[in-house]
PDB file of N, CA and C in Angstrom:
ATOM      1  N   MET A   1      -5.336  -0.840 -15.218  1.00  0.00           N
ATOM      2  CA  MET A   1      -5.598  -1.939 -14.509  1.00  0.00           C
ATOM      3  C   MET A   1      -5.962  -1.422 -13.039  1.00  0.00           C
ATOM      4  N   SER A   2      -7.072  -2.102 -12.439  1.00  0.00           N
ATOM      5  CA  SER A   2      -7.422  -1.654 -11.152  1.00  0.00           C
ATOM      6  C   SER A   2      -6.439  -2.074 -10.093  1.00  0.00           C
ATOM      7  N   PHE A   3      -6.498  -1.488  -8.954  1.00  0.00           N
ATOM      8  CA  PHE A   3      -5.539  -1.878  -7.847  1.00  0.00           C
ATOM      9  C   PHE A   3      -5.831  -3.300  -7.377  1.00  0.00           C
ATOM     10  N   ALA A   4      -7.116  -3.655  -7.238  1.00  0.00           N
ATOM     11  CA  ALA A   4      -7.493  -5.018  -6.863  1.00  0.00           C
ATOM     12  C   ALA A   4      -6.881  -6.104  -7.936  1.00  0.00           C
ATOM     13  N   LYS A   5      -7.043  -5.804  -9.228  1.00  0.00           N
ATOM     14  CA  LYS A   5      -6.560  -6.686 -10.285  1.00  0.00           C
ATOM     15  C   LYS A   5      -4.968  -6.752 -10.120  1.00  0.00           C
ATOM     16  N   THR A   6      -4.369  -5.655  -9.761  1.00  0.00           N
ATOM     17  CA  THR A   6      -2.848  -5.739  -9.728  1.00  0.00           C
ATOM     18  C   THR A   6      -2.484  -6.597  -8.545  1.00  0.00           C
ATOM     19  N   LEU A   7      -3.141  -6.326  -7.342  1.00  0.00           N
ATOM     20  CA  LEU A   7      -2.860  -7.282  -6.144  1.00  0.00           C
ATOM     21  C   LEU A   7      -3.001  -8.720  -6.480  1.00  0.00           C
ATOM     22  N   VAL A   8      -4.107  -9.154  -7.309  1.00  0.00           N
ATOM     23  CA  VAL A   8      -4.280 -10.447  -7.498  1.00  0.00           C
ATOM     24  C   VAL A   8      -3.202 -10.983  -8.549  1.00  0.00           C
ATOM     25  N   LEU A   9      -2.843 -10.308  -9.464  1.00  0.00           N
ATOM     26  CA  LEU A   9      -1.725 -10.627 -10.325  1.00  0.00           C
ATOM     27  C   LEU A   9      -0.367 -10.808  -9.594  1.00  0.00           C
ATOM     28  N   PHE A  10      -0.138  -9.754  -8.710  1.00  0.00           N
ATOM     29  CA  PHE A  10       1.022  -9.871  -7.936  1.00  0.00           C
ATOM     30  C   PHE A  10       1.160 -11.156  -7.076  1.00  0.00           C
ATOM     31  N   ALA A  11      -0.041 -11.465  -6.402  1.00  0.00           N
ATOM     32  CA  ALA A  11      -0.024 -12.542  -5.395  1.00  0.00           C
ATOM     33  C   ALA A  11       0.019 -13.906  -6.320  1.00  0.00           C
ATOM     34  N   LEU A  12      -0.680 -13.978  -7.317  1.00  0.00           N
ATOM     35  CA  LEU A  12      -0.534 -15.199  -8.194  1.00  0.00           C
ATOM     36  C   LEU A  12       0.786 -15.460  -8.853  1.00  0.00           C
ATOM     37  N   ALA A  13       1.408 -14.345  -9.204  1.00  0.00           N
ATOM     38  CA  ALA A  13       2.789 -14.452  -9.763  1.00  0.00           C
ATOM     39  C   ALA A  13       3.803 -15.085  -8.754  1.00  0.00           C
ATOM     40  N   GLY A  14       3.518 -14.792  -7.565  1.00  0.00           N
ATOM     41  CA  GLY A  14       4.522 -15.319  -6.565  1.00  0.00           C
ATOM     42  C   GLY A  14       4.181 -16.695  -6.190  1.00  0.00           C
ATOM     43  N   THR A  15       3.199 -17.384  -6.694  1.00  0.00           N
ATOM     44  CA  THR A  15       2.908 -18.752  -6.146  1.00  0.00           C
ATOM     45  C   THR A  15       3.552 -19.684  -7.223  1.00  0.00           C
ATOM     46  N   ALA A  16       3.720 -20.937  -6.808  1.00  0.00           N
ATOM     47  CA  ALA A  16       4.220 -21.972  -7.707  1.00  0.00           C
ATOM     48  C   ALA A  16       3.264 -22.324  -8.770  1.00  0.00           C
ATOM     49  N   GLY A  17       3.631 -22.884  -9.904  1.00  0.00           N
ATOM     50  CA  GLY A  17       2.733 -23.181 -10.975  1.00  0.00           C
ATOM     51  C   GLY A  17       1.833 -24.148 -10.559  1.00  0.00           C
ATOM     52  N   ALA A  18       2.053 -25.191  -9.770  1.00  0.00           N
ATOM     53  CA  ALA A  18       1.021 -26.190  -9.390  1.00  0.00           C
ATOM     54  C   ALA A  18      -0.032 -25.454  -8.582  1.00  0.00           C
ATOM     55  N   ALA A  19       0.368 -24.624  -7.698  1.00  0.00           N
ATOM     56  CA  ALA A  19      -0.651 -23.825  -6.798  1.00  0.00           C
ATOM     57  C   ALA A  19      -1.590 -22.941  -7.652  1.00  0.00           C
ATOM     58  N   GLN A  20      -0.976 -22.292  -8.768  1.00  0.00           N
ATOM     59  CA  GLN A  20      -1.723 -21.465  -9.579  1.00  0.00           C
ATOM     60  C   GLN A  20      -2.806 -22.334 -10.292  1.00  0.00           C
ATOM     61  N   ALA A  21      -2.573 -23.511 -10.705  1.00  0.00           N
ATOM     62  CA  ALA A  21      -3.469 -24.352 -11.507  1.00  0.00           C
ATOM     63  C   ALA A  21      -4.619 -24.796 -10.548  1.00  0.00           C
ATOM     64  N   GLN A  22      -4.358 -24.784  -9.234  1.00  0.00           N
ATOM     65  CA  GLN A  22      -5.457 -25.173  -8.348  1.00  0.00           C
ATOM     66  C   GLN A  22      -6.371 -23.966  -7.934  1.00  0.00           C
ATOM     67  N   VAL A  23      -5.993 -22.791  -8.244  1.00  0.00           N
ATOM     68  CA  VAL A  23      -6.875 -21.611  -7.771  1.00  0.00           C
ATOM     69  C   VAL A  23      -8.010 -21.562  -8.725  1.00  0.00           C
ATOM     70  N   ASP A  24      -9.186 -21.706  -8.133  1.00  0.00           N
ATOM     71  CA  ASP A  24     -10.488 -21.584  -8.897  1.00  0.00           C
ATOM     72  C   ASP A  24     -10.574 -20.176  -9.398  1.00  0.00           C
ATOM     73  N   PRO A  25     -11.031 -19.941 -10.603  1.00  0.00           N
ATOM     74  CA  PRO A  25     -11.292 -18.545 -11.021  1.00  0.00           C
ATOM     75  C   PRO A  25     -12.045 -17.643 -10.061  1.00  0.00           C
ATOM     76  N   SER A  26     -13.101 -18.218  -9.413  1.00  0.00           N
ATOM     77  CA  SER A  26     -13.977 -17.419  -8.614  1.00  0.00           C
ATOM     78  C   SER A  26     -13.186 -16.997  -7.309  1.00  0.00           C
ATOM     79  N   PHE A  27     -12.031 -17.739  -7.034  1.00  0.00           N
ATOM     80  CA  PHE A  27     -11.309 -17.337  -5.836  1.00  0.00           C
ATOM     81  C   PHE A  27     -10.111 -16.338  -6.117  1.00  0.00           C
ATOM     82  N   ALA A  28      -9.916 -16.095  -7.308  1.00  0.00           N
ATOM     83  CA  ALA A  28      -8.724 -15.176  -7.709  1.00  0.00           C
ATOM     84  C   ALA A  28      -8.620 -13.812  -6.817  1.00  0.00           C
ATOM     85  N   SER A  29      -9.722 -13.228  -6.705  1.00  0.00           N
ATOM     86  CA  SER A  29      -9.615 -11.924  -5.889  1.00  0.00           C
ATOM     87  C   SER A  29      -9.238 -12.205  -4.462  1.00  0.00           C
ATOM     88  N   CYS A  30      -9.603 -13.325  -3.889  1.00  0.00           N
ATOM     89  CA  CYS A  30      -9.374 -13.647  -2.536  1.00  0.00           C
ATOM     90  C   CYS A  30      -7.906 -14.068  -2.307  1.00  0.00           C
ATOM     91  N   ALA A  31      -7.395 -14.822  -3.185  1.00  0.00           N
ATOM     92  CA  ALA A  31      -6.012 -15.385  -3.156  1.00  0.00           C
ATOM     93  C   ALA A  31      -4.936 -14.295  -2.949  1.00  0.00           C
ATOM     94  N   ALA A  32      -5.198 -13.069  -3.221  1.00  0.00           N
ATOM     95  CA  ALA A  32      -4.241 -12.167  -2.876  1.00  0.00           C
ATOM     96  C   ALA A  32      -3.952 -11.981  -1.479  1.00  0.00           C
ATOM     97  N   CYS A  33      -4.984 -12.236  -0.662  1.00  0.00           N
ATOM     98  CA  CYS A  33      -4.798 -12.145   0.801  1.00  0.00           C
ATOM     99  C   CYS A  33      -4.987 -13.430   1.675  1.00  0.00           C
ATOM    100  N   HIS A  34      -5.660 -14.326   1.042  1.00  0.00           N
ATOM    101  CA  HIS A  34      -6.062 -15.569   1.790  1.00  0.00           C
ATOM    102  C   HIS A  34      -5.484 -16.709   1.199  1.00  0.00           C
ATOM    103  N   SER A  35      -5.236 -17.787   2.068  1.00  0.00           N
ATOM    104  CA  SER A  35      -4.778 -19.034   1.640  1.00  0.00           C
ATOM    105  C   SER A  35      -5.834 -20.045   1.688  1.00  0.00           C
ATOM    106  N   THR A  36      -5.887 -21.177   1.053  1.00  0.00           N
ATOM    107  CA  THR A  36      -6.789 -22.226   1.077  1.00  0.00           C
ATOM    108  C   THR A  36      -6.324 -23.359   1.975  1.00  0.00           C
ATOM    109  N   LYS A  37      -5.140 -23.267   2.414  1.00  0.00           N
ATOM    110  CA  LYS A  37      -4.456 -24.338   3.243  1.00  0.00           C
ATOM    111  C   LYS A  37      -4.682 -24.039   4.725  1.00  0.00           C
ATOM    112  N   ALA A  38      -5.132 -25.107   5.447  1.00  0.00           N
ATOM    113  CA  ALA A  38      -5.358 -24.936   6.869  1.00  0.00           C
ATOM    114  C   ALA A  38      -4.161 -24.476   7.549  1.00  0.00           C
ATOM    115  N   GLY A  39      -4.254 -23.611   8.459  1.00  0.00           N
ATOM    116  CA  GLY A  39      -3.147 -23.130   9.292  1.00  0.00           C
ATOM    117  C   GLY A  39      -2.217 -22.217   8.594  1.00  0.00           C
ATOM    118  N   GLU A  40      -2.565 -21.772   7.410  1.00  0.00           N
ATOM    119  CA  GLU A  40      -1.633 -20.886   6.550  1.00  0.00           C
ATOM    120  C   GLU A  40      -2.370 -19.594   6.469  1.00  0.00           C
ATOM    121  N   ASN A  41      -2.156 -18.609   7.457  1.00  0.00           N
ATOM    122  CA  ASN A  41      -2.699 -17.303   7.343  1.00  0.00           C
ATOM    123  C   ASN A  41      -1.779 -16.312   6.524  1.00  0.00           C
ATOM    124  N   ARG A  42      -2.213 -15.427   5.861  1.00  0.00           N
ATOM    125  CA  ARG A  42      -1.686 -14.426   5.189  1.00  0.00           C
ATOM    126  C   ARG A  42      -2.126 -13.064   5.742  1.00  0.00           C
ATOM    127  N   LEU A  43      -2.408 -12.008   4.902  1.00  0.00           N
ATOM    128  CA  LEU A  43      -2.937 -10.850   5.370  1.00  0.00           C
ATOM    129  C   LEU A  43      -4.336 -11.043   5.880  1.00  0.00           C
ATOM    130  N   GLY A  44      -4.981 -12.093   5.331  1.00  0.00           N
ATOM    131  CA  GLY A  44      -6.318 -12.471   5.955  1.00  0.00           C
ATOM    132  C   GLY A  44      -6.129 -13.876   6.352  1.00  0.00           C
ATOM    133  N   PRO A  45      -7.114 -14.474   7.178  1.00  0.00           N
ATOM    134  CA  PRO A  45      -7.065 -15.822   7.749  1.00  0.00           C
ATOM    135  C   PRO A  45      -7.238 -16.924   6.604  1.00  0.00           C
ATOM    136  N   SER A  46      -6.761 -18.057   6.895  1.00  0.00           N
ATOM    137  CA  SER A  46      -7.028 -19.202   6.024  1.00  0.00           C
ATOM    138  C   SER A  46      -8.427 -19.381   5.784  1.00  0.00           C
ATOM    139  N   LEU A  47      -8.765 -19.774   4.492  1.00  0.00           N
ATOM    140  CA  LEU A  47     -10.169 -19.941   4.279  1.00  0.00           C
ATOM    141  C   LEU A  47     -10.582 -21.462   4.105  1.00  0.00           C
ATOM    142  N   ALA A  48      -9.577 -22.305   4.549  1.00  0.00           N
ATOM    143  CA  ALA A  48      -9.785 -23.697   4.600  1.00  0.00           C
ATOM    144  C   ALA A  48     -10.971 -23.937   5.576  1.00  0.00           C
ATOM    145  N   GLY A  49     -11.991 -24.677   5.359  1.00  0.00           N
ATOM    146  CA  GLY A  49     -13.035 -24.912   6.207  1.00  0.00           C
ATOM    147  C   GLY A  49     -13.869 -23.757   6.562  1.00  0.00           C
ATOM    148  N   VAL A  50     -13.866 -22.696   5.873  1.00  0.00           N
ATOM    149  CA  VAL A  50     -14.589 -21.492   6.385  1.00  0.00           C
ATOM    150  C   VAL A  50     -16.106 -21.747   6.467  1.00  0.00           C
ATOM    151  N   VAL A  51     -16.610 -22.369   5.486  1.00  0.00           N
ATOM    152  CA  VAL A  51     -18.110 -22.631   5.637  1.00  0.00           C
ATOM    153  C   VAL A  51     -18.485 -23.634   6.737  1.00  0.00           C
ATOM    154  N   GLY A  52     -19.235 -23.063   7.760  1.00  0.00           N
ATOM    155  CA  GLY A  52     -19.588 -23.812   8.908  1.00  0.00           C
ATOM    156  C   GLY A  52     -18.641 -23.475  10.176  1.00  0.00           C
ATOM    157  N   ARG A  53     -17.536 -22.728   9.894  1.00  0.00           N
ATOM    158  CA  ARG A  53     -16.657 -22.410  10.933  1.00  0.00           C
ATOM    159  C   ARG A  53     -17.183 -21.185  11.630  1.00  0.00           C
ATOM    160  N   LYS A  54     -16.891 -21.119  12.943  1.00  0.00           N
ATOM    161  CA  LYS A  54     -17.164 -20.037  13.789  1.00  0.00           C
ATOM    162  C   LYS A  54     -16.466 -18.918  13.217  1.00  0.00           C
ATOM    163  N   LYS A  55     -17.167 -17.717  13.210  1.00  0.00           N
ATOM    164  CA  LYS A  55     -16.540 -16.458  12.868  1.00  0.00           C
ATOM    165  C   LYS A  55     -15.305 -16.067  13.736  1.00  0.00           C
ATOM    166  N   ALA A  56     -14.355 -15.556  13.100  1.00  0.00           N
ATOM    167  CA  ALA A  56     -13.127 -14.945  13.827  1.00  0.00           C
ATOM    168  C   ALA A  56     -12.479 -16.101  14.720  1.00  0.00           C
ATOM    169  N   SER A  57     -12.390 -17.233  14.234  1.00  0.00           N
ATOM    170  CA  SER A  57     -11.957 -18.339  15.031  1.00  0.00           C
ATOM    171  C   SER A  57     -10.618 -19.096  14.605  1.00  0.00           C
ATOM    172  N   VAL A  58     -10.005 -18.538  13.565  1.00  0.00           N
ATOM    173  CA  VAL A  58      -8.763 -19.149  13.001  1.00  0.00           C
ATOM    174  C   VAL A  58      -7.672 -18.771  14.034  1.00  0.00           C
ATOM    175  N   ALA A  59      -7.024 -19.913  14.522  1.00  0.00           N
ATOM    176  CA  ALA A  59      -5.837 -19.752  15.443  1.00  0.00           C
ATOM    177  C   ALA A  59      -4.735 -19.026  14.739  1.00  0.00           C
ATOM    178  N   GLY A  60      -4.087 -18.030  15.613  1.00  0.00           N
ATOM    179  CA  GLY A  60      -3.043 -17.329  15.160  1.00  0.00           C
ATOM    180  C   GLY A  60      -3.237 -16.174  14.320  1.00  0.00           C
ATOM    181  N   PHE A  61      -4.631 -15.963  14.049  1.00  0.00           N
ATOM    182  CA  PHE A  61      -4.876 -14.695  13.157  1.00  0.00           C
ATOM    183  C   PHE A  61      -5.477 -13.582  14.121  1.00  0.00           C
ATOM    184  N   ASN A  62      -4.941 -12.360  13.784  1.00  0.00           N
ATOM    185  CA  ASN A  62      -5.270 -11.246  14.563  1.00  0.00           C
ATOM    186  C   ASN A  62      -6.531 -10.513  13.952  1.00  0.00           C
ATOM    187  N   TYR A  63      -7.690 -10.876  14.463  1.00  0.00           N
ATOM    188  CA  TYR A  63      -8.900 -10.258  13.825  1.00  0.00           C
ATOM    189  C   TYR A  63      -9.198  -8.929  14.440  1.00  0.00           C
ATOM    190  N   SER A  64      -9.871  -8.221  13.654  1.00  0.00           N
ATOM    191  CA  SER A  64     -10.261  -6.771  14.144  1.00  0.00           C
ATOM    192  C   SER A  64     -11.375  -7.072  15.203  1.00  0.00           C
ATOM    193  N   PRO A  65     -11.367  -5.913  16.102  1.00  0.00           N
ATOM    194  CA  PRO A  65     -12.404  -6.011  17.054  1.00  0.00           C
ATOM    195  C   PRO A  65     -13.791  -6.245  16.471  1.00  0.00           C
ATOM    196  N   ALA A  66     -14.005  -5.603  15.379  1.00  0.00           N
ATOM    197  CA  ALA A  66     -15.372  -5.688  14.759  1.00  0.00           C
ATOM    198  C   ALA A  66     -15.583  -7.099  14.366  1.00  0.00           C
ATOM    199  N   MET A  67     -14.689  -7.751  13.808  1.00  0.00           N
ATOM    200  CA  MET A  67     -14.797  -9.293  13.342  1.00  0.00           C
ATOM    201  C   MET A  67     -14.956 -10.081  14.686  1.00  0.00           C
ATOM    202  N   LYS A  68     -14.124  -9.817  15.614  1.00  0.00           N
ATOM    203  CA  LYS A  68     -14.272 -10.641  16.918  1.00  0.00           C
ATOM    204  C   LYS A  68     -15.607 -10.566  17.583  1.00  0.00           C
ATOM    205  N   ALA A  69     -16.299  -9.399  17.373  1.00  0.00           N
ATOM    206  CA  ALA A  69     -17.621  -9.223  17.917  1.00  0.00           C
ATOM    207  C   ALA A  69     -18.680 -10.061  17.152  1.00  0.00           C
ATOM    208  N   GLN A  70     -18.415 -10.563  16.033  1.00  0.00           N
ATOM    209  CA  GLN A  70     -19.321 -11.306  15.202  1.00  0.00           C
ATOM    210  C   GLN A  70     -19.752 -12.593  15.862  1.00  0.00           C
ATOM    211  N   GLN A  71     -21.012 -12.953  15.926  1.00  0.00           N
ATOM    212  CA  GLN A  71     -21.504 -14.154  16.460  1.00  0.00           C
ATOM    213  C   GLN A  71     -21.807 -15.195  15.410  1.00  0.00           C
ATOM    214  N   GLY A  72     -21.815 -16.406  15.734  1.00  0.00           N
ATOM    215  CA  GLY A  72     -22.189 -17.443  14.911  1.00  0.00           C
ATOM    216  C   GLY A  72     -21.224 -18.003  13.934  1.00  0.00           C
ATOM    217  N   ALA A  73     -21.627 -18.865  13.018  1.00  0.00           N
ATOM    218  CA  ALA A  73     -20.655 -19.375  12.160  1.00  0.00           C
ATOM    219  C   ALA A  73     -20.887 -18.836  10.727  1.00  0.00           C
ATOM    220  N   TRP A  74     -19.946 -19.122   9.776  1.00  0.00           N
ATOM    221  CA  TRP A  74     -20.031 -18.608   8.450  1.00  0.00           C
ATOM    222  C   TRP A  74     -20.879 -19.653   7.668  1.00  0.00           C
ATOM    223  N   THR A  75     -22.110 -19.157   7.311  1.00  0.00           N
ATOM    224  CA  THR A  75     -22.966 -19.919   6.502  1.00  0.00           C
ATOM    225  C   THR A  75     -23.021 -19.320   5.120  1.00  0.00           C
ATOM    226  N   ALA A  76     -23.680 -20.060   4.182  1.00  0.00           N
ATOM    227  CA  ALA A  76     -23.752 -19.544   2.800  1.00  0.00           C
ATOM    228  C   ALA A  76     -24.370 -18.134   2.837  1.00  0.00           C
ATOM    229  N   ALA A  77     -25.405 -18.057   3.559  1.00  0.00           N
ATOM    230  CA  ALA A  77     -26.077 -16.669   3.699  1.00  0.00           C
ATOM    231  C   ALA A  77     -25.223 -15.677   4.358  1.00  0.00           C
ATOM    232  N   SER A  78     -24.514 -15.926   5.399  1.00  0.00           N
ATOM    233  CA  SER A  78     -23.668 -14.846   6.061  1.00  0.00           C
ATOM    234  C   SER A  78     -22.441 -14.585   5.147  1.00  0.00           C
ATOM    235  N   LEU A  79     -21.959 -15.542   4.440  1.00  0.00           N
ATOM    236  CA  LEU A  79     -20.882 -15.223   3.475  1.00  0.00           C
ATOM    237  C   LEU A  79     -21.340 -14.388   2.297  1.00  0.00           C
ATOM    238  N   ASP A  80     -22.549 -14.688   1.856  1.00  0.00           N
ATOM    239  CA  ASP A  80     -23.114 -13.864   0.796  1.00  0.00           C
ATOM    240  C   ASP A  80     -23.324 -12.406   1.251  1.00  0.00           C
ATOM    241  N   ALA A  81     -23.732 -12.227   2.380  1.00  0.00           N
ATOM    242  CA  ALA A  81     -23.953 -10.788   2.861  1.00  0.00           C
ATOM    243  C   ALA A  81     -22.514 -10.076   3.075  1.00  0.00           C
ATOM    244  N   PHE A  82     -21.585 -10.898   3.529  1.00  0.00           N
ATOM    245  CA  PHE A  82     -20.293 -10.321   3.828  1.00  0.00           C
ATOM    246  C   PHE A  82     -19.520 -10.012   2.539  1.00  0.00           C
ATOM    247  N   LEU A  83     -19.587 -10.953   1.716  1.00  0.00           N
ATOM    248  CA  LEU A  83     -18.972 -10.844   0.298  1.00  0.00           C
ATOM    249  C   LEU A  83     -19.556  -9.777  -0.608  1.00  0.00           C
ATOM    250  N   THR A  84     -20.855  -9.449  -0.356  1.00  0.00           N
ATOM    251  CA  THR A  84     -21.549  -8.390  -1.099  1.00  0.00           C
ATOM    252  C   THR A  84     -20.826  -6.909  -0.816  1.00  0.00           C
ATOM    253  N   ALA A  85     -20.657  -6.763   0.491  1.00  0.00           N
ATOM    254  CA  ALA A  85     -19.937  -5.434   0.917  1.00  0.00           C
ATOM    255  C   ALA A  85     -19.507  -5.696   2.296  1.00  0.00           C
ATOM    256  N   PRO A  86     -18.217  -6.200   2.453  1.00  0.00           N
ATOM    257  CA  PRO A  86     -17.628  -6.446   3.699  1.00  0.00           C
ATOM    258  C   PRO A  86     -17.724  -5.309   4.668  1.00  0.00           C
ATOM    259  N   THR A  87     -17.322  -4.142   4.311  1.00  0.00           N
ATOM    260  CA  THR A  87     -17.350  -2.979   5.439  1.00  0.00           C
ATOM    261  C   THR A  87     -18.934  -2.606   5.736  1.00  0.00           C
ATOM    262  N   LYS A  88     -19.941  -3.038   4.949  1.00  0.00           N
ATOM    263  CA  LYS A  88     -21.302  -2.740   5.350  1.00  0.00           C
ATOM    264  C   LYS A  88     -21.673  -3.827   6.233  1.00  0.00           C
ATOM    265  N   ALA A  89     -21.418  -5.040   5.986  1.00  0.00           N
ATOM    266  CA  ALA A  89     -21.764  -6.246   6.751  1.00  0.00           C
ATOM    267  C   ALA A  89     -21.108  -6.196   8.207  1.00  0.00           C
ATOM    268  N   VAL A  90     -19.735  -5.763   8.184  1.00  0.00           N
ATOM    269  CA  VAL A  90     -19.054  -5.697   9.428  1.00  0.00           C
ATOM    270  C   VAL A  90     -18.414  -4.420   9.501  1.00  0.00           C
ATOM    271  N   PRO A  91     -18.978  -3.417   9.961  1.00  0.00           N
ATOM    272  CA  PRO A  91     -18.364  -2.042   9.991  1.00  0.00           C
ATOM    273  C   PRO A  91     -17.126  -2.171  10.923  1.00  0.00           C
ATOM    274  N   GLY A  92     -16.080  -1.692  10.513  1.00  0.00           N
ATOM    275  CA  GLY A  92     -14.833  -1.798  11.349  1.00  0.00           C
ATOM    276  C   GLY A  92     -13.956  -2.965  10.964  1.00  0.00           C
ATOM    277  N   THR A  93     -14.390  -3.803   9.905  1.00  0.00           N
ATOM    278  CA  THR A  93     -13.478  -4.921   9.499  1.00  0.00           C
ATOM    279  C   THR A  93     -12.224  -4.366   8.943  1.00  0.00           C
ATOM    280  N   ARG A  94     -11.169  -5.012   9.043  1.00  0.00           N
ATOM    281  CA  ARG A  94      -9.816  -4.627   8.364  1.00  0.00           C
ATOM    282  C   ARG A  94      -9.763  -4.974   6.914  1.00  0.00           C
ATOM    283  N   MET A  95     -10.859  -5.813   6.484  1.00  0.00           N
ATOM    284  CA  MET A  95     -10.846  -6.295   5.154  1.00  0.00           C
ATOM    285  C   MET A  95     -11.093  -5.202   4.184  1.00  0.00           C
ATOM    286  N   ILE A  96     -10.138  -4.814   3.373  1.00  0.00           N
ATOM    287  CA  ILE A  96     -10.160  -3.721   2.451  1.00  0.00           C
ATOM    288  C   ILE A  96     -10.926  -4.077   1.080  1.00  0.00           C
ATOM    289  N   PHE A  97     -11.189  -5.220   0.890  1.00  0.00           N
ATOM    290  CA  PHE A  97     -11.794  -5.807  -0.336  1.00  0.00           C
ATOM    291  C   PHE A  97     -13.148  -5.124  -0.532  1.00  0.00           C
ATOM    292  N   PRO A  98     -13.511  -4.475  -1.649  1.00  0.00           N
ATOM    293  CA  PRO A  98     -14.731  -3.763  -1.862  1.00  0.00           C
ATOM    294  C   PRO A  98     -16.111  -4.611  -1.956  1.00  0.00           C
ATOM    295  N   GLY A  99     -15.917  -5.972  -2.265  1.00  0.00           N
ATOM    296  CA  GLY A  99     -16.961  -6.765  -2.307  1.00  0.00           C
ATOM    297  C   GLY A  99     -17.154  -7.311  -3.735  1.00  0.00           C
ATOM    298  N   VAL A 100     -18.110  -8.193  -3.755  1.00  0.00           N
ATOM    299  CA  VAL A 100     -18.593  -8.886  -5.150  1.00  0.00           C
ATOM    300  C   VAL A 100     -19.933  -8.573  -5.446  1.00  0.00           C
ATOM    301  N   PRO A 101     -20.142  -7.505  -6.199  1.00  0.00           N
ATOM    302  CA  PRO A 101     -21.634  -7.074  -6.359  1.00  0.00           C
ATOM    303  C   PRO A 101     -22.504  -8.046  -7.221  1.00  0.00           C
ATOM    304  N   ASP A 102     -21.805  -8.928  -8.059  1.00  0.00           N
ATOM    305  CA  ASP A 102     -22.540  -9.785  -8.923  1.00  0.00           C
ATOM    306  C   ASP A 102     -22.920 -11.087  -8.086  1.00  0.00           C
ATOM    307  N   ALA A 103     -24.286 -11.342  -8.049  1.00  0.00           N
ATOM    308  CA  ALA A 103     -24.813 -12.476  -7.183  1.00  0.00           C
ATOM    309  C   ALA A 103     -24.268 -13.852  -7.731  1.00  0.00           C
ATOM    310  N   LYS A 104     -24.265 -13.871  -9.124  1.00  0.00           N
ATOM    311  CA  LYS A 104     -23.782 -15.149  -9.709  1.00  0.00           C
ATOM    312  C   LYS A 104     -22.376 -15.430  -9.233  1.00  0.00           C
ATOM    313  N   LYS A 105     -21.518 -14.505  -9.366  1.00  0.00           N
ATOM    314  CA  LYS A 105     -20.105 -14.586  -8.928  1.00  0.00           C
ATOM    315  C   LYS A 105     -20.035 -14.955  -7.560  1.00  0.00           C
ATOM    316  N   ARG A 106     -20.811 -14.306  -6.652  1.00  0.00           N
ATOM    317  CA  ARG A 106     -20.699 -14.610  -5.281  1.00  0.00           C
ATOM    318  C   ARG A 106     -21.115 -16.040  -4.979  1.00  0.00           C
ATOM    319  N   ALA A 107     -22.121 -16.510  -5.657  1.00  0.00           N
ATOM    320  CA  ALA A 107     -22.627 -17.835  -5.547  1.00  0.00           C
ATOM    321  C   ALA A 107     -21.547 -18.923  -5.977  1.00  0.00           C
ATOM    322  N   ALA A 108     -20.804 -18.653  -7.033  1.00  0.00           N
ATOM    323  CA  ALA A 108     -19.837 -19.458  -7.475  1.00  0.00           C
ATOM    324  C   ALA A 108     -18.726 -19.422  -6.421  1.00  0.00           C
ATOM    325  N   LEU A 109     -18.371 -18.312  -5.943  1.00  0.00           N
ATOM    326  CA  LEU A 109     -17.261 -18.170  -4.880  1.00  0.00           C
ATOM    327  C   LEU A 109     -17.678 -18.934  -3.673  1.00  0.00           C
ATOM    328  N   ILE A 110     -18.910 -18.773  -3.244  1.00  0.00           N
ATOM    329  CA  ILE A 110     -19.328 -19.578  -2.020  1.00  0.00           C
ATOM    330  C   ILE A 110     -19.336 -21.061  -2.343  1.00  0.00           C
ATOM    331  N   GLY A 111     -19.707 -21.408  -3.546  1.00  0.00           N
ATOM    332  CA  GLY A 111     -19.729 -22.903  -3.893  1.00  0.00           C
ATOM    333  C   GLY A 111     -18.313 -23.407  -3.778  1.00  0.00           C
ATOM    334  N   TYR A 112     -17.327 -22.677  -4.264  1.00  0.00           N
ATOM    335  CA  TYR A 112     -15.870 -23.017  -4.131  1.00  0.00           C
ATOM    336  C   TYR A 112     -15.405 -23.045  -2.717  1.00  0.00           C
ATOM    337  N   LEU A 113     -15.775 -22.086  -1.937  1.00  0.00           N
ATOM    338  CA  LEU A 113     -15.452 -22.121  -0.505  1.00  0.00           C
ATOM    339  C   LEU A 113     -15.906 -23.287   0.249  1.00  0.00           C
ATOM    340  N   LYS A 114     -17.101 -23.772  -0.192  1.00  0.00           N
ATOM    341  CA  LYS A 114     -17.692 -25.034   0.419  1.00  0.00           C
ATOM    342  C   LYS A 114     -16.832 -26.183   0.133  1.00  0.00           C
ATOM    343  N   THR A 115     -15.970 -26.268  -0.878  1.00  0.00           N
ATOM    344  CA  THR A 115     -15.178 -27.363  -1.192  1.00  0.00           C
ATOM    345  C   THR A 115     -13.916 -27.431  -0.358  1.00  0.00           C
ATOM    346  N   LEU A 116     -13.480 -26.256   0.346  1.00  0.00           N
ATOM    347  CA  LEU A 116     -12.325 -26.261   0.999  1.00  0.00           C
ATOM    348  C   LEU A 116     -12.401 -26.681   2.461  1.00  0.00           C
ATOM    349  N   LYS A 117     -12.350 -28.037   2.579  1.00  0.00           N
ATOM    350  CA  LYS A 117     -12.427 -28.724   3.775  1.00  0.00           C
ATOM    351  C   LYS A 117     -11.228 -28.709   4.603  1.00  0.00           C
TER     352      LYS A 117
END
């Protein structure tokens, strides 16, 4: 089993059953480090309202200098570029996730992120 899959299983095992039922399959990799609840930061910032939100703007989260230097808001296009290869899109990011190489999976993930108001 890969390290990333182990992290996801570990994170999901620690959540309540009701919370697990709400996790969209396209979000499973993200759930290891990110919450979908506003104001609830984990290893990564909350993803509630991420689409359309100014980059590096979640209160109480300590972003890397590389992420703080990013301009603009998270759009579907900027999320697609970032989720393809985070360390290429934002050199110096602290996000260790390798990315989602499959365009259909990224599109599904971004579609799910759009629902997180």
